[in-house]
């Protein structure tokens, strides 16, 4: 019997109906589709998450400050912040509380959150003014790895009259730039290196015209001059300023510029050149660090510095500006 096209269609339909379970004739099952990849990375944290981090950091600082116990800090404090706070506890102890630790509010005026899906993640917090009416701080918070908590990496005191450049809303996040990012007046890495040169050489620096004058630089120059004057003909006094190779973080601003956070190490050395002389160490903090009351050859102090700079976009008439800084002795030796 010859099967017509119609009968062949009927047989095919009947065959499909008789097959138990799934068959080749069944409609294909829907397949899950992956979420589309966002065009830009998301903000690293929500506002509420950032506020929770600040609360946790504040609790650790409050507890450690009350007892001047640096061993309580590492769960939420690291890097320069840990070195500086540990030294501040030693100073407070040596001076019987006359020189307490730096006030560090953890209530925010502004959050500058990175727009990233990578680690480490670093965000900035502009704090409210401390109760002692000093300048607000810029806290540098860093999360090293996905399972690590955010920790206080460092802080800087805002300069007098400084206005923060506009940044993206924390819900959106600010793009993270590379140390050698172009499109800026200078690269982020160059900004740190050049500022260190300006600190060392003042107006004689080849980069002096790139930077706005600031009170931090003025205070460094005044302290250095006072040290040189104190030594007079009995010895020599020198200071070196060494930046880390790359910024800790660079976050883009709304105008196409960038906020650059970096670290310097300042070493101040007084060396005697007159035989039989001594360098008195009368400050109880330095005496506690060195374990000595005087030095017969040299006295060396090491400062840990945190800098927060604004770098304008390329082509701007604006200068690089220091937004905030911290300059603190973290070790000393006497020979």
Protein backbone atom coordinates (compact mmCIF):
# COMPACT_ATOMS: atom_id res chain seq x y z
CA UNK A 1 0.00 0.00 0.00
CA UNK A 2 1.33 3.37 -0.94
CA UNK A 3 1.37 5.92 1.89
CA UNK A 4 0.30 9.42 1.03
CA UNK A 5 2.01 12.45 2.53
CA UNK A 6 -1.04 12.87 4.78
CA UNK A 7 -0.79 9.31 6.09
CA UNK A 8 2.93 9.72 6.74
CA UNK A 9 2.18 12.77 8.89
CA UNK A 10 -0.43 10.80 10.85
CA UNK A 11 1.99 7.95 11.47
CA UNK A 12 4.69 10.33 12.65
CA UNK A 13 2.28 12.00 15.04
CA UNK A 14 1.09 8.60 16.35
CA UNK A 15 4.69 7.44 16.86
CA UNK A 16 5.51 10.50 18.94
CA UNK A 17 2.45 9.99 21.10
CA UNK A 18 3.38 6.34 21.87
CA UNK A 19 6.90 7.04 23.11
CA UNK A 20 7.10 7.05 26.90
CA UNK A 21 8.96 9.79 28.70
CA UNK A 22 10.93 12.44 26.88
CA UNK A 23 11.31 11.91 23.17
CA UNK A 24 12.92 13.62 20.24
CA UNK A 25 9.48 14.84 19.31
CA UNK A 26 9.01 16.76 22.58
CA UNK A 27 9.48 20.53 22.63
CA UNK A 28 13.00 21.52 23.85
CA UNK A 29 13.24 22.42 27.53
CA UNK A 30 13.93 26.09 28.32
CA UNK A 31 17.56 26.77 29.18
CA UNK A 32 18.57 29.27 31.88
CA UNK A 33 20.23 32.34 30.45
CA UNK A 34 23.15 33.94 32.34
CA UNK A 35 22.71 37.41 33.72
CA UNK A 36 24.07 39.98 31.29
CA UNK A 37 27.52 41.31 32.18
CA UNK A 38 27.17 44.94 33.32
CA UNK A 39 28.81 47.55 31.13
CA UNK A 40 30.68 48.90 34.18
CA UNK A 41 31.61 47.30 37.49
CA UNK A 42 29.25 47.92 40.40
CA UNK A 43 29.98 49.99 43.47
CA UNK A 44 32.06 47.85 45.84
CA UNK A 45 29.71 48.38 48.79
CA UNK A 46 26.32 49.85 49.50
CA UNK A 47 25.98 52.92 51.69
CA UNK A 48 24.60 50.76 54.52
CA UNK A 49 27.52 48.33 54.24
CA UNK A 50 30.00 51.22 54.40
CA UNK A 51 28.26 52.61 57.47
CA UNK A 52 28.39 49.19 59.14
CA UNK A 53 32.13 49.04 58.44
CA UNK A 54 32.62 52.46 60.04
CA UNK A 55 30.66 51.36 63.10
CA UNK A 56 32.84 48.26 63.50
CA UNK A 57 36.06 50.23 63.04
CA UNK A 58 34.88 52.84 65.52
CA UNK A 59 34.15 50.20 68.15
CA UNK A 60 37.62 48.67 67.80
CA UNK A 61 39.29 52.10 68.01
CA UNK A 62 37.26 53.07 71.07
CA UNK A 63 38.16 49.87 72.91
CA UNK A 64 41.85 50.02 72.02
CA UNK A 65 42.11 53.76 72.74
CA UNK A 66 40.63 53.28 76.20
CA UNK A 67 43.41 50.91 77.22
CA UNK A 68 46.15 52.11 74.81
CA UNK A 69 46.50 48.48 73.78
CA UNK A 70 47.73 48.14 70.19
CA UNK A 71 47.15 44.37 70.28
CA UNK A 72 43.40 45.10 69.98
CA UNK A 73 43.76 46.97 66.68
CA UNK A 74 44.58 44.37 63.95
CA UNK A 75 41.03 43.04 63.48
CA UNK A 76 40.09 46.43 61.97
CA UNK A 77 43.32 48.45 61.58
CA UNK A 78 46.30 47.79 59.30
CA UNK A 79 49.16 49.37 57.34
CA UNK A 80 50.17 52.95 58.15
CA UNK A 81 47.16 53.34 60.44
CA UNK A 82 48.35 50.46 62.62
CA UNK A 83 51.93 51.79 62.74
CA UNK A 84 50.81 55.33 63.59
CA UNK A 85 48.22 54.29 66.18
CA UNK A 86 50.71 51.96 67.89
CA UNK A 87 53.22 54.83 68.14
CA UNK A 88 50.50 57.17 69.41
CA UNK A 89 49.74 54.75 72.23
CA UNK A 90 53.43 54.73 73.16
CA UNK A 91 53.42 58.54 73.11
CA UNK A 92 50.28 58.77 75.26
CA UNK A 93 51.79 56.37 77.78
CA UNK A 94 55.15 58.17 77.87
CA UNK A 95 53.49 61.55 78.42
CA UNK A 96 50.98 60.26 80.99
CA UNK A 97 48.10 61.11 78.67
CA UNK A 98 49.24 64.64 77.88
CA UNK A 99 49.47 63.72 74.17
CA UNK A 100 46.52 61.44 73.44
CA UNK A 101 45.91 59.56 70.16
CA UNK A 102 44.56 61.48 67.18
CA UNK A 103 40.78 61.88 67.27
CA UNK A 104 39.26 59.76 64.50
CA UNK A 105 35.52 60.26 64.02
CA UNK A 106 33.74 57.46 62.17
CA UNK A 107 30.63 59.47 61.24
CA UNK A 108 30.77 60.29 57.55
CA UNK A 109 30.18 63.50 55.66
CA UNK A 110 30.84 61.78 52.35
CA UNK A 111 31.63 58.29 51.06
CA UNK A 112 33.83 57.76 47.99
CA UNK A 113 33.27 54.15 46.98
CA UNK A 114 35.25 52.37 44.24
CA UNK A 115 33.45 51.04 41.18
CA UNK A 116 35.13 47.65 40.97
CA UNK A 117 34.68 43.88 41.07
CA UNK A 118 38.34 43.20 41.94
CA UNK A 119 40.47 43.23 45.09
CA UNK A 120 41.97 44.90 47.00
CA UNK A 121 39.15 47.42 47.34
CA UNK A 122 39.80 50.83 48.83
CA UNK A 123 37.22 53.44 49.69
CA UNK A 124 37.53 56.90 51.25
CA UNK A 125 35.47 58.45 54.01
CA UNK A 126 35.36 62.18 54.68
CA UNK A 127 34.49 62.35 58.36
CA UNK A 128 32.55 64.91 60.30
CA UNK A 129 34.59 67.42 62.29
CA UNK A 130 36.08 65.92 65.49
CA UNK A 131 34.81 67.11 68.87
CA UNK A 132 38.09 68.98 69.43
CA UNK A 133 37.20 71.12 66.37
CA UNK A 134 40.25 70.02 64.41
CA UNK A 135 39.93 69.48 60.67
CA UNK A 136 37.85 66.57 59.35
CA UNK A 137 39.79 63.44 58.44
CA UNK A 138 39.85 61.41 55.27
CA UNK A 139 39.83 57.76 56.32
CA UNK A 140 41.26 55.20 53.90
CA UNK A 141 39.43 51.86 54.24
CA UNK A 142 40.74 48.75 52.49
CA UNK A 143 39.49 45.20 51.94
CA UNK A 144 42.39 42.99 50.84
CA UNK A 145 40.44 39.87 49.78
CA UNK A 146 36.78 38.78 49.44
CA UNK A 147 36.62 37.11 52.87
CA UNK A 148 38.54 39.82 54.70
CA UNK A 149 36.82 42.66 56.55
CA UNK A 150 37.40 46.26 55.60
CA UNK A 151 40.14 47.74 57.77
CA UNK A 152 41.35 51.27 58.42
CA UNK A 153 44.51 51.51 56.29
CA UNK A 154 45.35 55.16 57.00
CA UNK A 155 44.02 58.65 57.49
CA UNK A 156 44.87 62.24 56.65
CA UNK A 157 43.87 65.57 58.18
CA UNK A 158 42.22 67.84 55.64
CA UNK A 159 44.03 71.08 54.93
CA UNK A 160 42.57 74.43 55.95
CA UNK A 161 39.99 75.64 53.47
CA UNK A 162 40.24 72.52 51.29
CA UNK A 163 37.16 71.63 49.25
CA UNK A 164 36.81 68.04 48.10
CA UNK A 165 36.43 67.59 44.33
CA UNK A 166 33.09 66.22 43.18
CA UNK A 167 32.91 62.44 42.95
CA UNK A 168 30.26 59.96 41.84
CA UNK A 169 27.44 59.04 44.20
CA UNK A 170 28.42 56.11 46.45
CA UNK A 171 25.54 54.07 44.99
CA UNK A 172 27.24 54.32 41.58
CA UNK A 173 30.88 54.22 42.63
CA UNK A 174 33.95 56.00 41.28
CA UNK A 175 36.08 54.35 38.57
CA UNK A 176 39.44 53.02 39.77
CA UNK A 177 42.43 54.22 37.72
CA UNK A 178 45.81 52.57 37.22
CA UNK A 179 49.02 54.07 38.70
CA UNK A 180 50.13 55.03 35.16
CA UNK A 181 46.72 56.29 34.03
CA UNK A 182 46.87 58.94 31.34
CA UNK A 183 44.41 61.77 30.76
CA UNK A 184 45.58 63.55 33.93
CA UNK A 185 47.90 66.49 34.48
CA UNK A 186 50.45 63.89 35.70
CA UNK A 187 50.02 60.17 36.29
CA UNK A 188 49.04 59.08 39.82
CA UNK A 189 52.49 57.56 40.45
CA UNK A 190 54.20 60.71 39.17
CA UNK A 191 52.07 62.87 41.46
CA UNK A 192 53.46 61.11 44.55
CA UNK A 193 57.04 61.12 43.29
CA UNK A 194 56.92 64.77 42.29
CA UNK A 195 55.32 65.88 45.56
CA UNK A 196 58.08 64.09 47.48
CA UNK A 197 60.62 66.07 45.43
CA UNK A 198 58.81 69.32 46.25
CA UNK A 199 58.92 68.45 49.95
CA UNK A 200 62.66 67.88 49.69
CA UNK A 201 63.59 70.86 47.52
CA UNK A 202 60.82 73.43 47.94
CA UNK A 203 60.68 76.10 45.28
CA UNK A 204 63.93 74.76 43.82
CA UNK A 205 62.13 71.57 42.76
CA UNK A 206 61.53 71.19 39.04
CA UNK A 207 57.94 70.31 39.91
CA UNK A 208 57.16 73.15 42.33
CA UNK A 209 54.98 74.97 39.78
CA UNK A 210 52.77 71.87 39.35
CA UNK A 211 51.52 71.92 42.95
CA UNK A 212 49.43 74.34 44.97
CA UNK A 213 51.06 75.62 48.12
CA UNK A 214 49.71 73.90 51.23
CA UNK A 215 50.06 74.11 55.00
CA UNK A 216 51.41 70.56 55.27
CA UNK A 217 54.42 71.43 53.13
CA UNK A 218 54.89 74.68 55.07
CA UNK A 219 54.91 72.80 58.37
CA UNK A 220 57.41 70.24 57.08
CA UNK A 221 59.75 73.01 55.90
CA UNK A 222 59.42 74.91 59.20
CA UNK A 223 60.17 71.81 61.29
CA UNK A 224 63.18 70.96 59.13
CA UNK A 225 64.54 74.50 59.44
CA UNK A 226 64.10 74.37 63.23
CA UNK A 227 66.05 71.10 63.41
CA UNK A 228 68.87 72.53 61.30
CA UNK A 229 68.99 75.65 63.48
CA UNK A 230 69.07 73.54 66.63
CA UNK A 231 72.10 71.61 65.44
CA UNK A 232 73.99 74.73 64.34
CA UNK A 233 77.75 74.10 63.98
CA UNK A 234 77.76 70.98 66.12
CA UNK A 235 76.40 68.68 63.45
CA UNK A 236 74.22 68.22 60.40
CA UNK A 237 70.52 67.61 59.86
CA UNK A 238 69.02 65.97 56.79
CA UNK A 239 65.63 64.64 55.73
CA UNK A 240 64.65 62.25 52.96
CA UNK A 241 61.16 61.67 51.54
CA UNK A 242 60.60 58.34 49.83
CA UNK A 243 57.24 57.56 48.19
CA UNK A 244 55.91 54.06 47.71
CA UNK A 245 56.26 52.88 44.11
CA UNK A 246 52.54 53.09 43.39
CA UNK A 247 49.49 54.75 44.96
CA UNK A 248 47.28 52.73 47.26
CA UNK A 249 44.29 53.79 45.19
CA UNK A 250 43.31 56.31 42.52
CA UNK A 251 39.62 57.19 42.15
CA UNK A 252 38.31 59.26 39.27
CA UNK A 253 36.51 62.52 39.97
CA UNK A 254 33.49 63.88 38.09
CA UNK A 255 35.61 66.39 36.15
CA UNK A 256 37.92 63.68 34.78
CA UNK A 257 40.62 64.27 37.40
CA UNK A 258 41.52 61.88 40.20
CA UNK A 259 41.97 61.52 43.94
CA UNK A 260 45.28 59.77 44.60
CA UNK A 261 46.14 58.16 47.94
CA UNK A 262 49.73 57.21 48.66
CA UNK A 263 52.34 56.71 51.34
CA UNK A 264 55.68 58.36 52.03
CA UNK A 265 58.43 57.47 54.47
CA UNK A 266 60.27 60.47 55.90
CA UNK A 267 63.61 59.91 57.63
CA UNK A 268 65.03 62.78 59.70
CA UNK A 269 68.68 62.33 60.73
CA UNK A 270 70.74 64.49 63.07
CA UNK A 271 74.45 63.64 63.03
CA UNK A 272 77.07 65.11 65.39
CA UNK A 273 80.26 66.41 63.79
CA UNK A 274 81.95 67.71 66.95
CA UNK A 275 83.87 65.18 69.00
CA UNK A 276 82.65 64.70 72.54
CA UNK A 277 79.25 66.22 71.95
CA UNK A 278 75.86 64.68 72.67
CA UNK A 279 72.34 65.07 71.37
CA UNK A 280 69.95 65.35 74.33
CA UNK A 281 66.70 63.40 74.00
CA UNK A 282 64.40 65.28 76.33
CA UNK A 283 61.06 64.36 74.75
CA UNK A 284 59.66 61.42 76.77
CA UNK A 285 58.17 59.90 73.61
CA UNK A 286 61.52 59.78 71.82
CA UNK A 287 63.20 58.55 74.99
CA UNK A 288 60.67 55.72 75.16
CA UNK A 289 61.22 54.79 71.48
CA UNK A 290 65.02 54.86 71.68
CA UNK A 291 65.45 53.72 75.28
CA UNK A 292 68.02 56.50 75.74
CA UNK A 293 68.27 60.01 77.17
CA UNK A 294 70.96 61.17 74.72
CA UNK A 295 72.81 60.19 71.56
CA UNK A 296 76.56 60.44 71.06
CA UNK A 297 76.62 60.04 67.29
CA UNK A 298 73.22 60.35 65.59
CA UNK A 299 69.51 60.57 66.28
CA UNK A 300 67.15 59.23 63.59
CA UNK A 301 63.38 59.57 63.45
CA UNK A 302 61.22 57.76 60.90
CA UNK A 303 57.85 59.24 59.99
CA UNK A 304 55.00 57.42 58.30
CA UNK A 305 53.12 59.76 55.97
CA UNK A 306 49.75 59.33 54.26
CA UNK A 307 48.92 61.72 51.42
CA UNK A 308 45.62 62.37 49.64
CA UNK A 309 46.10 64.41 46.45
CA UNK A 310 43.77 65.78 43.79
CA UNK A 311 45.21 65.58 40.27
CA UNK A 312 43.32 67.65 37.66
CA UNK A 313 42.53 66.32 34.18
CA UNK A 314 45.03 66.91 31.40
CA UNK A 315 44.71 70.37 29.86
CA UNK A 316 43.30 71.90 33.04
CA UNK A 317 44.67 75.18 34.31
CA UNK A 318 44.34 73.87 37.88
CA UNK A 319 47.31 72.61 39.91
CA UNK A 320 47.77 69.37 41.81
CA UNK A 321 46.41 69.93 45.32
CA UNK A 322 47.08 68.21 48.63
CA UNK A 323 43.68 67.45 50.15
CA UNK A 324 44.78 65.75 53.38
CA UNK A 325 47.90 64.36 55.02
CA UNK A 326 49.24 62.71 58.16
CA UNK A 327 52.88 62.93 59.28
CA UNK A 328 53.67 60.86 62.36
CA UNK A 329 56.80 59.46 63.99
CA UNK A 330 56.57 55.67 64.09
CA UNK A 331 60.14 54.79 65.15
CA UNK A 332 63.35 56.37 66.40
CA UNK A 333 66.95 55.31 67.08
CA UNK A 334 69.84 56.92 68.94
CA UNK A 335 73.51 55.94 68.58
